[in-house]
């Protein structure tokens, strides 16, 4: 029997992890990075069993792509740990406001900022707005990104390659550079890469290239900033049920999404969020330059 989640809600006490597989009906969105509110079933971004313990109390965190998907789940878990949030999004107005409302019901503080991360001047705007609002920056989560499928290298236009690289790695460079002067000893930078760069998926060449660049960026920056006690790590998600999937995949491919891995299912966003909490908090005080894989056993790196 399929377990369908049709509403925005956390898992409740007594549910397990959780009567899978989940069935995803065929669906496609003609816009990137996608709208979560249009998905069926909606992703699960919170777990009522997760109780914060003040690990990020009074920390200020910027999360790109924080309106939905993994970014939304991370924002919720950060809020439970006491962080003050800046959620950066592109054009997902409804998703961003839904996330803000949800976090405020938890008692959290949220500043929404929308714009195009490919524009380097936008990064300075984000930093200025954050500092004006909260007075400091402690955590940066570079999570925004796009992906496009293509059967062959020759099917990828120069314009698409440029767009993917600017969306996924240039934007990360711009924002990290803008944030860096405000980070202090104990601060944390967390970058979202992907399992695809380790599997070398042949129909995502430009995406894989950008995500591979993120791994190199993470490792080099971690070495560079270690003397300042600023930690830089990355998370490499496997298949997760986020808006990026129907926004990039053919509708017919959605029902089998995530089914080829050892656990025979895609992950829900809440199942990766605690890793970001670990990397943002003092629990990871001796962890830097690492890539943490969360993929249901699909890649064992």
C-alpha atoms as a PDB file:
ATOM      1  CA  UNK A   1       0.000   0.000   0.000  1.00  0.00           C
ATOM      2  CA  UNK A   2       1.298   3.420  -0.907  1.00  0.00           C
ATOM      3  CA  UNK A   3       1.679   6.091   1.727  1.00  0.00           C
ATOM      4  CA  UNK A   4       0.696   9.483   0.279  1.00  0.00           C
ATOM      5  CA  UNK A   5       1.382  12.771   2.017  1.00  0.00           C
ATOM      6  CA  UNK A   6      -1.022  15.394   0.763  1.00  0.00           C
ATOM      7  CA  UNK A   7      -0.664  18.222   3.269  1.00  0.00           C
ATOM      8  CA  UNK A   8       2.086  20.359   4.717  1.00  0.00           C
ATOM      9  CA  UNK A   9       2.736  18.840   8.095  1.00  0.00           C
ATOM     10  CA  UNK A  10       5.487  17.226  10.139  1.00  0.00           C
ATOM     11  CA  UNK A  11       5.482  13.542  10.878  1.00  0.00           C
ATOM     12  CA  UNK A  12       3.776  12.911  14.185  1.00  0.00           C
ATOM     13  CA  UNK A  13       4.870  10.823  17.132  1.00  0.00           C
ATOM     14  CA  UNK A  14       4.362   7.138  16.527  1.00  0.00           C
ATOM     15  CA  UNK A  15       4.844   7.256  12.769  1.00  0.00           C
ATOM     16  CA  UNK A  16       7.854   5.414  11.464  1.00  0.00           C
ATOM     17  CA  UNK A  17      10.274   6.191   8.654  1.00  0.00           C
ATOM     18  CA  UNK A  18       7.976   5.521   7.393  1.00  0.00           C
ATOM     19  CA  UNK A  19       5.799   3.052   5.495  1.00  0.00           C
ATOM     20  CA  UNK A  20       7.527   3.667   2.184  1.00  0.00           C
ATOM     21  CA  UNK A  21       7.639   3.553  -0.830  1.00  0.00           C
ATOM     22  CA  UNK A  22       5.810   6.786  -1.493  1.00  0.00           C
ATOM     23  CA  UNK A  23       4.111   7.012  -4.880  1.00  0.00           C
ATOM     24  CA  UNK A  24       4.756  10.138  -6.916  1.00  0.00           C
ATOM     25  CA  UNK A  25       2.214  10.597  -9.693  1.00  0.00           C
ATOM     26  CA  UNK A  26       3.498  11.841 -13.072  1.00  0.00           C
ATOM     27  CA  UNK A  27       4.003  15.602 -12.949  1.00  0.00           C
ATOM     28  CA  UNK A  28       6.117  18.296 -14.567  1.00  0.00           C
ATOM     29  CA  UNK A  29       6.682  22.010 -14.058  1.00  0.00           C
ATOM     30  CA  UNK A  30       7.944  24.246 -16.849  1.00  0.00           C
ATOM     31  CA  UNK A  31       9.888  26.528 -14.524  1.00  0.00           C
ATOM     32  CA  UNK A  32      13.103  26.219 -12.540  1.00  0.00           C
ATOM     33  CA  UNK A  33      13.847  25.748  -9.734  1.00  0.00           C
ATOM     34  CA  UNK A  34      10.176  24.793  -9.279  1.00  0.00           C
ATOM     35  CA  UNK A  35       7.259  25.495  -6.978  1.00  0.00           C
ATOM     36  CA  UNK A  36       6.791  23.210  -3.988  1.00  0.00           C
ATOM     37  CA  UNK A  37       3.131  24.067  -3.441  1.00  0.00           C
ATOM     38  CA  UNK A  38       2.295  22.501  -6.822  1.00  0.00           C
ATOM     39  CA  UNK A  39       3.841  19.129  -5.975  1.00  0.00           C
ATOM     40  CA  UNK A  40       1.794  16.003  -5.255  1.00  0.00           C
ATOM     41  CA  UNK A  41       2.393  14.728  -2.681  1.00  0.00           C
ATOM     42  CA  UNK A  42       3.968  17.677  -0.900  1.00  0.00           C
ATOM     43  CA  UNK A  43       7.456  17.067   0.488  1.00  0.00           C
ATOM     44  CA  UNK A  44       7.772  16.496   4.229  1.00  0.00           C
ATOM     45  CA  UNK A  45      10.053  19.138   5.679  1.00  0.00           C
ATOM     46  CA  UNK A  46       9.562  18.805   9.429  1.00  0.00           C
ATOM     47  CA  UNK A  47       9.541  16.032  11.990  1.00  0.00           C
ATOM     48  CA  UNK A  48       7.675  16.637  15.238  1.00  0.00           C
ATOM     49  CA  UNK A  49      10.046  14.198  16.953  1.00  0.00           C
ATOM     50  CA  UNK A  50      12.932  16.648  16.387  1.00  0.00           C
ATOM     51  CA  UNK A  51      13.272  18.891  19.417  1.00  0.00           C
ATOM     52  CA  UNK A  52      15.779  21.728  19.390  1.00  0.00           C
ATOM     53  CA  UNK A  53      18.225  22.186  22.239  1.00  0.00           C
ATOM     54  CA  UNK A  54      19.541  25.683  21.566  1.00  0.00           C
ATOM     55  CA  UNK A  55      22.508  24.578  19.461  1.00  0.00           C
ATOM     56  CA  UNK A  56      22.144  27.672  17.243  1.00  0.00           C
ATOM     57  CA  UNK A  57      20.681  30.052  19.809  1.00  0.00           C
ATOM     58  CA  UNK A  58      20.984  33.674  18.626  1.00  0.00           C
ATOM     59  CA  UNK A  59      23.048  32.646  15.574  1.00  0.00           C
ATOM     60  CA  UNK A  60      22.202  34.388  12.307  1.00  0.00           C
ATOM     61  CA  UNK A  61      21.995  32.128   9.266  1.00  0.00           C
ATOM     62  CA  UNK A  62      21.599  32.982   5.582  1.00  0.00           C
ATOM     63  CA  UNK A  63      20.079  30.125   3.564  1.00  0.00           C
ATOM     64  CA  UNK A  64      19.803  30.380  -0.222  1.00  0.00           C
ATOM     65  CA  UNK A  65      16.988  28.405  -1.766  1.00  0.00           C
ATOM     66  CA  UNK A  66      15.445  28.573   1.690  1.00  0.00           C
ATOM     67  CA  UNK A  67      11.882  28.829   0.433  1.00  0.00           C
ATOM     68  CA  UNK A  68      11.349  25.123  -0.252  1.00  0.00           C
ATOM     69  CA  UNK A  69      12.848  21.652  -0.448  1.00  0.00           C
ATOM     70  CA  UNK A  70      16.034  20.991   1.471  1.00  0.00           C
ATOM     71  CA  UNK A  71      16.444  24.709   2.171  1.00  0.00           C
ATOM     72  CA  UNK A  72      13.017  24.877   3.814  1.00  0.00           C
ATOM     73  CA  UNK A  73      13.728  21.836   5.982  1.00  0.00           C
ATOM     74  CA  UNK A  74      17.091  23.261   7.045  1.00  0.00           C
ATOM     75  CA  UNK A  75      15.427  26.571   7.897  1.00  0.00           C
ATOM     76  CA  UNK A  76      12.839  24.838  10.083  1.00  0.00           C
ATOM     77  CA  UNK A  77      15.450  22.788  11.950  1.00  0.00           C
ATOM     78  CA  UNK A  78      17.676  25.863  12.386  1.00  0.00           C
ATOM     79  CA  UNK A  79      14.709  27.776  13.794  1.00  0.00           C
ATOM     80  CA  UNK A  80      14.042  24.964  16.259  1.00  0.00           C
ATOM     81  CA  UNK A  81      17.647  25.331  17.386  1.00  0.00           C
ATOM     82  CA  UNK A  82      17.209  29.066  17.980  1.00  0.00           C
ATOM     83  CA  UNK A  83      18.745  30.592  14.841  1.00  0.00           C
ATOM     84  CA  UNK A  84      17.565  33.838  13.281  1.00  0.00           C
ATOM     85  CA  UNK A  85      17.060  33.308   9.574  1.00  0.00           C
ATOM     86  CA  UNK A  86      17.517  35.066   6.263  1.00  0.00           C
ATOM     87  CA  UNK A  87      15.900  33.061   3.477  1.00  0.00           C
ATOM     88  CA  UNK A  88      16.961  33.977  -0.048  1.00  0.00           C
ATOM     89  CA  UNK A  89      14.785  32.913  -2.970  1.00  0.00           C
ATOM     90  CA  UNK A  90      14.373  33.657  -6.656  1.00  0.00           C
ATOM     91  CA  UNK A  91      10.688  33.905  -7.589  1.00  0.00           C
ATOM     92  CA  UNK A  92       8.944  31.330  -5.378  1.00  0.00           C
ATOM     93  CA  UNK A  93       6.825  33.903  -3.538  1.00  0.00           C
ATOM     94  CA  UNK A  94       4.144  31.563  -2.218  1.00  0.00           C
ATOM     95  CA  UNK A  95       6.608  28.918  -1.032  1.00  0.00           C
ATOM     96  CA  UNK A  96       8.762  31.544   0.671  1.00  0.00           C
ATOM     97  CA  UNK A  97       5.825  33.036   2.540  1.00  0.00           C
ATOM     98  CA  UNK A  98       4.549  29.584   3.526  1.00  0.00           C
ATOM     99  CA  UNK A  99       7.968  28.822   4.984  1.00  0.00           C
ATOM    100  CA  UNK A 100       8.088  32.151   6.808  1.00  0.00           C
ATOM    101  CA  UNK A 101       4.628  31.614   8.284  1.00  0.00           C
ATOM    102  CA  UNK A 102       5.488  28.097   9.414  1.00  0.00           C
ATOM    103  CA  UNK A 103       8.703  29.188  11.128  1.00  0.00           C
ATOM    104  CA  UNK A 104       7.024  32.137  12.800  1.00  0.00           C
ATOM    105  CA  UNK A 105       4.439  29.765  14.226  1.00  0.00           C
ATOM    106  CA  UNK A 106       7.371  27.942  15.789  1.00  0.00           C
ATOM    107  CA  UNK A 107       8.485  31.226  17.342  1.00  0.00           C
ATOM    108  CA  UNK A 108      11.328  31.842  14.906  1.00  0.00           C
ATOM    109  CA  UNK A 109      12.502  35.050  13.241  1.00  0.00           C
ATOM    110  CA  UNK A 110      12.670  35.204   9.434  1.00  0.00           C
ATOM    111  CA  UNK A 111      13.751  37.816   6.898  1.00  0.00           C
ATOM    112  CA  UNK A 112      12.826  37.035   3.280  1.00  0.00           C
ATOM    113  CA  UNK A 113      14.958  38.399   0.440  1.00  0.00           C
ATOM    114  CA  UNK A 114      14.239  37.667  -3.215  1.00  0.00           C
ATOM    115  CA  UNK A 115      16.442  38.244  -6.219  1.00  0.00           C
ATOM    116  CA  UNK A 116      18.862  36.710  -8.696  1.00  0.00           C
ATOM    117  CA  UNK A 117      21.993  35.209  -7.157  1.00  0.00           C
ATOM    118  CA  UNK A 118      23.670  35.224 -10.571  1.00  0.00           C
ATOM    119  CA  UNK A 119      23.943  38.989 -10.147  1.00  0.00           C
ATOM    120  CA  UNK A 120      26.990  39.658  -7.961  1.00  0.00           C
ATOM    121  CA  UNK A 121      25.525  42.943  -6.716  1.00  0.00           C
ATOM    122  CA  UNK A 122      22.615  41.009  -5.206  1.00  0.00           C
ATOM    123  CA  UNK A 123      25.047  39.297  -2.827  1.00  0.00           C
ATOM    124  CA  UNK A 124      26.076  42.654  -1.380  1.00  0.00           C
ATOM    125  CA  UNK A 125      22.406  43.530  -0.986  1.00  0.00           C
ATOM    126  CA  UNK A 126      21.753  40.295   0.937  1.00  0.00           C
ATOM    127  CA  UNK A 127      24.647  40.969   3.294  1.00  0.00           C
ATOM    128  CA  UNK A 128      23.640  44.579   3.896  1.00  0.00           C
ATOM    129  CA  UNK A 129      20.019  43.648   4.599  1.00  0.00           C
ATOM    130  CA  UNK A 130      21.099  40.869   6.974  1.00  0.00           C
ATOM    131  CA  UNK A 131      23.470  43.065   8.939  1.00  0.00           C
ATOM    132  CA  UNK A 132      20.944  45.902   9.074  1.00  0.00           C
ATOM    133  CA  UNK A 133      18.321  43.509  10.430  1.00  0.00           C
ATOM    134  CA  UNK A 134      20.314  41.290  12.782  1.00  0.00           C
ATOM    135  CA  UNK A 135      23.681  43.005  13.202  1.00  0.00           C
ATOM    136  CA  UNK A 136      25.832  40.006  12.294  1.00  0.00           C
ATOM    137  CA  UNK A 137      26.223  36.813  10.239  1.00  0.00           C
ATOM    138  CA  UNK A 138      27.303  33.469  11.715  1.00  0.00           C
ATOM    139  CA  UNK A 139      26.241  30.809   9.210  1.00  0.00           C
ATOM    140  CA  UNK A 140      25.982  30.690   5.416  1.00  0.00           C
ATOM    141  CA  UNK A 141      24.161  27.838   3.681  1.00  0.00           C
ATOM    142  CA  UNK A 142      24.718  27.937  -0.098  1.00  0.00           C
ATOM    143  CA  UNK A 143      21.878  25.730  -1.249  1.00  0.00           C
ATOM    144  CA  UNK A 144      20.231  27.287  -4.335  1.00  0.00           C
ATOM    145  CA  UNK A 145      20.647  25.605  -7.711  1.00  0.00           C
ATOM    146  CA  UNK A 146      19.177  24.434 -11.016  1.00  0.00           C
ATOM    147  CA  UNK A 147      19.530  21.285 -13.128  1.00  0.00           C
ATOM    148  CA  UNK A 148      18.759  20.459 -16.749  1.00  0.00           C
ATOM    149  CA  UNK A 149      18.816  17.060 -18.392  1.00  0.00           C
ATOM    150  CA  UNK A 150      20.463  16.486 -21.788  1.00  0.00           C
ATOM    151  CA  UNK A 151      21.237  13.195 -23.517  1.00  0.00           C
ATOM    152  CA  UNK A 152      24.513  14.392 -25.046  1.00  0.00           C
ATOM    153  CA  UNK A 153      27.110  17.109 -24.577  1.00  0.00           C
ATOM    154  CA  UNK A 154      26.159  18.492 -27.983  1.00  0.00           C
ATOM    155  CA  UNK A 155      22.594  19.000 -26.735  1.00  0.00           C
ATOM    156  CA  UNK A 156      23.805  21.496 -24.116  1.00  0.00           C
ATOM    157  CA  UNK A 157      23.865  24.983 -25.523  1.00  0.00           C
ATOM    158  CA  UNK A 158      26.583  27.410 -24.546  1.00  0.00           C
ATOM    159  CA  UNK A 159      23.857  29.546 -22.998  1.00  0.00           C
ATOM    160  CA  UNK A 160      22.567  26.680 -20.853  1.00  0.00           C
ATOM    161  CA  UNK A 161      26.056  25.770 -19.663  1.00  0.00           C
ATOM    162  CA  UNK A 162      26.683  29.390 -18.735  1.00  0.00           C
ATOM    163  CA  UNK A 163      23.336  29.628 -16.939  1.00  0.00           C
ATOM    164  CA  UNK A 164      23.931  26.457 -14.928  1.00  0.00           C
ATOM    165  CA  UNK A 165      27.430  27.446 -13.879  1.00  0.00           C
ATOM    166  CA  UNK A 166      26.372  30.951 -12.904  1.00  0.00           C
ATOM    167  CA  UNK A 167      23.378  29.644 -10.967  1.00  0.00           C
ATOM    168  CA  UNK A 168      25.186  26.885  -9.104  1.00  0.00           C
ATOM    169  CA  UNK A 169      28.799  27.961  -8.550  1.00  0.00           C
ATOM    170  CA  UNK A 170      29.268  31.639  -9.532  1.00  0.00           C
ATOM    171  CA  UNK A 171      26.428  32.586  -7.181  1.00  0.00           C
ATOM    172  CA  UNK A 172      28.104  30.642  -4.380  1.00  0.00           C
ATOM    173  CA  UNK A 173      31.394  32.433  -4.995  1.00  0.00           C
ATOM    174  CA  UNK A 174      29.718  35.846  -5.055  1.00  0.00           C
ATOM    175  CA  UNK A 175      27.743  35.383  -1.838  1.00  0.00           C
ATOM    176  CA  UNK A 176      30.508  33.685   0.114  1.00  0.00           C
ATOM    177  CA  UNK A 177      32.907  36.480  -0.838  1.00  0.00           C
ATOM    178  CA  UNK A 178      30.382  39.091   0.297  1.00  0.00           C
ATOM    179  CA  UNK A 179      29.647  37.313   3.589  1.00  0.00           C
ATOM    180  CA  UNK A 180      33.234  36.457   4.513  1.00  0.00           C
ATOM    181  CA  UNK A 181      34.244  39.822   6.063  1.00  0.00           C
ATOM    182  CA  UNK A 182      31.457  39.387   8.625  1.00  0.00           C
ATOM    183  CA  UNK A 183      32.297  35.849   9.711  1.00  0.00           C
ATOM    184  CA  UNK A 184      34.234  35.283  12.916  1.00  0.00           C
ATOM    185  CA  UNK A 185      35.953  32.390  14.650  1.00  0.00           C
ATOM    186  CA  UNK A 186      33.451  29.555  14.993  1.00  0.00           C
ATOM    187  CA  UNK A 187      31.414  30.558  11.963  1.00  0.00           C
ATOM    188  CA  UNK A 188      30.303  27.957   9.446  1.00  0.00           C
ATOM    189  CA  UNK A 189      29.820  27.805   5.677  1.00  0.00           C
ATOM    190  CA  UNK A 190      27.822  24.860   4.304  1.00  0.00           C
ATOM    191  CA  UNK A 191      27.565  24.199   0.565  1.00  0.00           C
ATOM    192  CA  UNK A 192      25.101  21.845  -1.104  1.00  0.00           C
ATOM    193  CA  UNK A 193      26.721  19.676  -3.759  1.00  0.00           C
ATOM    194  CA  UNK A 194      25.224  16.433  -5.131  1.00  0.00           C
ATOM    195  CA  UNK A 195      25.625  12.682  -5.436  1.00  0.00           C
ATOM    196  CA  UNK A 196      25.580  13.212  -9.206  1.00  0.00           C
ATOM    197  CA  UNK A 197      29.128  14.540  -9.234  1.00  0.00           C
ATOM    198  CA  UNK A 198      30.342  11.292  -7.636  1.00  0.00           C
ATOM    199  CA  UNK A 199      28.243   9.025  -9.859  1.00  0.00           C
ATOM    200  CA  UNK A 200      29.093  11.105 -12.943  1.00  0.00           C
ATOM    201  CA  UNK A 201      25.562  11.025 -14.310  1.00  0.00           C
ATOM    202  CA  UNK A 202      25.821  11.291 -18.077  1.00  0.00           C
ATOM    203  CA  UNK A 203      22.585  13.158 -18.720  1.00  0.00           C
ATOM    204  CA  UNK A 204      23.428  15.974 -16.283  1.00  0.00           C
ATOM    205  CA  UNK A 205      26.851  17.029 -17.584  1.00  0.00           C
ATOM    206  CA  UNK A 206      26.639  20.752 -16.861  1.00  0.00           C
ATOM    207  CA  UNK A 207      24.970  20.166 -13.469  1.00  0.00           C
ATOM    208  CA  UNK A 208      27.549  17.550 -12.479  1.00  0.00           C
ATOM    209  CA  UNK A 209      30.326  19.917 -13.523  1.00  0.00           C
ATOM    210  CA  UNK A 210      28.947  22.707 -11.358  1.00  0.00           C
ATOM    211  CA  UNK A 211      28.477  20.405  -8.379  1.00  0.00           C
ATOM    212  CA  UNK A 212      32.022  19.081  -8.793  1.00  0.00           C
ATOM    213  CA  UNK A 213      33.245  22.664  -8.711  1.00  0.00           C
ATOM    214  CA  UNK A 214      31.419  23.098  -5.401  1.00  0.00           C
ATOM    215  CA  UNK A 215      33.375  20.182  -3.923  1.00  0.00           C
ATOM    216  CA  UNK A 216      36.676  21.776  -4.977  1.00  0.00           C
ATOM    217  CA  UNK A 217      35.540  25.182  -3.744  1.00  0.00           C
ATOM    218  CA  UNK A 218      34.586  23.682  -0.373  1.00  0.00           C
ATOM    219  CA  UNK A 219      37.883  21.866   0.138  1.00  0.00           C
ATOM    220  CA  UNK A 220      40.110  24.750  -0.939  1.00  0.00           C
ATOM    221  CA  UNK A 221      38.181  27.346   1.058  1.00  0.00           C
ATOM    222  CA  UNK A 222      38.225  25.097   4.137  1.00  0.00           C
ATOM    223  CA  UNK A 223      42.018  24.939   3.990  1.00  0.00           C
ATOM    224  CA  UNK A 224      42.242  28.674   3.417  1.00  0.00           C
ATOM    225  CA  UNK A 225      39.970  29.592   6.341  1.00  0.00           C
ATOM    226  CA  UNK A 226      41.090  26.972   8.869  1.00  0.00           C
ATOM    227  CA  UNK A 227      43.585  29.366  10.540  1.00  0.00           C
ATOM    228  CA  UNK A 228      40.640  31.699  11.224  1.00  0.00           C
ATOM    229  CA  UNK A 229      38.590  28.830  12.702  1.00  0.00           C
ATOM    230  CA  UNK A 230      35.895  29.280  10.070  1.00  0.00           C
ATOM    231  CA  UNK A 231      34.652  25.867   8.995  1.00  0.00           C
ATOM    232  CA  UNK A 232      33.618  25.040   5.410  1.00  0.00           C
ATOM    233  CA  UNK A 233      31.843  21.793   4.588  1.00  0.00           C
ATOM    234  CA  UNK A 234      29.459  20.407   1.998  1.00  0.00           C
ATOM    235  CA  UNK A 235      26.480  18.084   1.942  1.00  0.00           C
ATOM    236  CA  UNK A 236      25.912  15.803  -1.055  1.00  0.00           C
ATOM    237  CA  UNK A 237      22.241  14.802  -1.222  1.00  0.00           C
ATOM    238  CA  UNK A 238      21.108  11.802  -3.188  1.00  0.00           C
ATOM    239  CA  UNK A 239      17.560  11.653  -4.584  1.00  0.00           C
ATOM    240  CA  UNK A 240      15.297  13.898  -2.510  1.00  0.00           C
ATOM    241  CA  UNK A 241      11.689  14.779  -3.206  1.00  0.00           C
ATOM    242  CA  UNK A 242      11.949  18.520  -3.900  1.00  0.00           C
ATOM    243  CA  UNK A 243      10.511  20.898  -6.467  1.00  0.00           C
ATOM    244  CA  UNK A 244      13.685  20.597  -8.534  1.00  0.00           C
ATOM    245  CA  UNK A 245      12.585  17.096  -9.568  1.00  0.00           C
ATOM    246  CA  UNK A 246       9.300  17.863 -11.369  1.00  0.00           C
ATOM    247  CA  UNK A 247      10.886  21.090 -12.610  1.00  0.00           C
ATOM    248  CA  UNK A 248      13.655  19.202 -14.421  1.00  0.00           C
ATOM    249  CA  UNK A 249      12.428  15.656 -15.088  1.00  0.00           C
ATOM    250  CA  UNK A 250       9.894  14.347 -17.574  1.00  0.00           C
ATOM    251  CA  UNK A 251       6.511  13.622 -16.026  1.00  0.00           C
ATOM    252  CA  UNK A 252       6.781   9.917 -16.886  1.00  0.00           C
ATOM    253  CA  UNK A 253      10.010   9.583 -14.899  1.00  0.00           C
ATOM    254  CA  UNK A 254       8.614  10.897 -11.629  1.00  0.00           C
ATOM    255  CA  UNK A 255       6.819   7.732 -10.386  1.00  0.00           C
ATOM    256  CA  UNK A 256      10.099   5.794 -10.273  1.00  0.00           C
ATOM    257  CA  UNK A 257      12.194   8.652  -8.850  1.00  0.00           C
ATOM    258  CA  UNK A 258      14.555   7.351  -6.177  1.00  0.00           C
ATOM    259  CA  UNK A 259      13.479   3.717  -6.567  1.00  0.00           C
ATOM    260  CA  UNK A 260      16.782   2.354  -7.886  1.00  0.00           C
ATOM    261  CA  UNK A 261      18.819   2.859  -4.708  1.00  0.00           C
ATOM    262  CA  UNK A 262      19.256   0.316  -1.898  1.00  0.00           C
ATOM    263  CA  UNK A 263      16.396   1.820   0.135  1.00  0.00           C
ATOM    264  CA  UNK A 264      14.137   1.873  -2.949  1.00  0.00           C
ATOM    265  CA  UNK A 265      12.836   5.366  -2.300  1.00  0.00           C
ATOM    266  CA  UNK A 266      13.657   9.055  -2.460  1.00  0.00           C
ATOM    267  CA  UNK A 267      14.432  10.937   0.718  1.00  0.00           C
ATOM    268  CA  UNK A 268      12.168  13.531   2.269  1.00  0.00           C
ATOM    269  CA  UNK A 269      13.768  16.921   3.007  1.00  0.00           C
ATOM    270  CA  UNK A 270      13.462  16.543   6.782  1.00  0.00           C
ATOM    271  CA  UNK A 271      15.725  13.477   6.581  1.00  0.00           C
ATOM    272  CA  UNK A 272      18.759  15.580   5.672  1.00  0.00           C
ATOM    273  CA  UNK A 273      18.177  18.755   7.692  1.00  0.00           C
ATOM    274  CA  UNK A 274      19.844  17.586  10.911  1.00  0.00           C
ATOM    275  CA  UNK A 275      23.151  17.158   9.046  1.00  0.00           C
ATOM    276  CA  UNK A 276      23.112  20.895   8.353  1.00  0.00           C
ATOM    277  CA  UNK A 277      22.426  21.553  12.035  1.00  0.00           C
ATOM    278  CA  UNK A 278      25.475  19.470  12.937  1.00  0.00           C
ATOM    279  CA  UNK A 279      27.697  21.347  10.489  1.00  0.00           C
ATOM    280  CA  UNK A 280      26.374  24.737  11.611  1.00  0.00           C
ATOM    281  CA  UNK A 281      26.770  24.079  15.323  1.00  0.00           C
ATOM    282  CA  UNK A 282      29.721  23.640  17.649  1.00  0.00           C
ATOM    283  CA  UNK A 283      29.141  19.880  17.486  1.00  0.00           C
ATOM    284  CA  UNK A 284      31.271  19.968  14.327  1.00  0.00           C
ATOM    285  CA  UNK A 285      34.057  22.127  15.784  1.00  0.00           C
ATOM    286  CA  UNK A 286      36.741  19.769  14.386  1.00  0.00           C
ATOM    287  CA  UNK A 287      35.008  19.121  11.062  1.00  0.00           C
ATOM    288  CA  UNK A 288      36.044  21.111   7.997  1.00  0.00           C
ATOM    289  CA  UNK A 289      36.715  20.426   4.330  1.00  0.00           C
ATOM    290  CA  UNK A 290      34.359  17.435   4.382  1.00  0.00           C
ATOM    291  CA  UNK A 291      31.559  16.275   2.100  1.00  0.00           C
ATOM    292  CA  UNK A 292      28.819  14.423   3.956  1.00  0.00           C
ATOM    293  CA  UNK A 293      26.768  12.039   1.838  1.00  0.00           C
ATOM    294  CA  UNK A 294      23.074  11.470   2.526  1.00  0.00           C
ATOM    295  CA  UNK A 295      21.635   9.249  -0.186  1.00  0.00           C
ATOM    296  CA  UNK A 296      20.001   6.117   1.202  1.00  0.00           C
ATOM    297  CA  UNK A 297      23.088   4.045   0.451  1.00  0.00           C
ATOM    298  CA  UNK A 298      23.195   4.802  -3.271  1.00  0.00           C
ATOM    299  CA  UNK A 299      26.754   6.113  -3.078  1.00  0.00           C
ATOM    300  CA  UNK A 300      29.118   4.811  -0.432  1.00  0.00           C
ATOM    301  CA  UNK A 301      31.978   7.314  -0.450  1.00  0.00           C
END
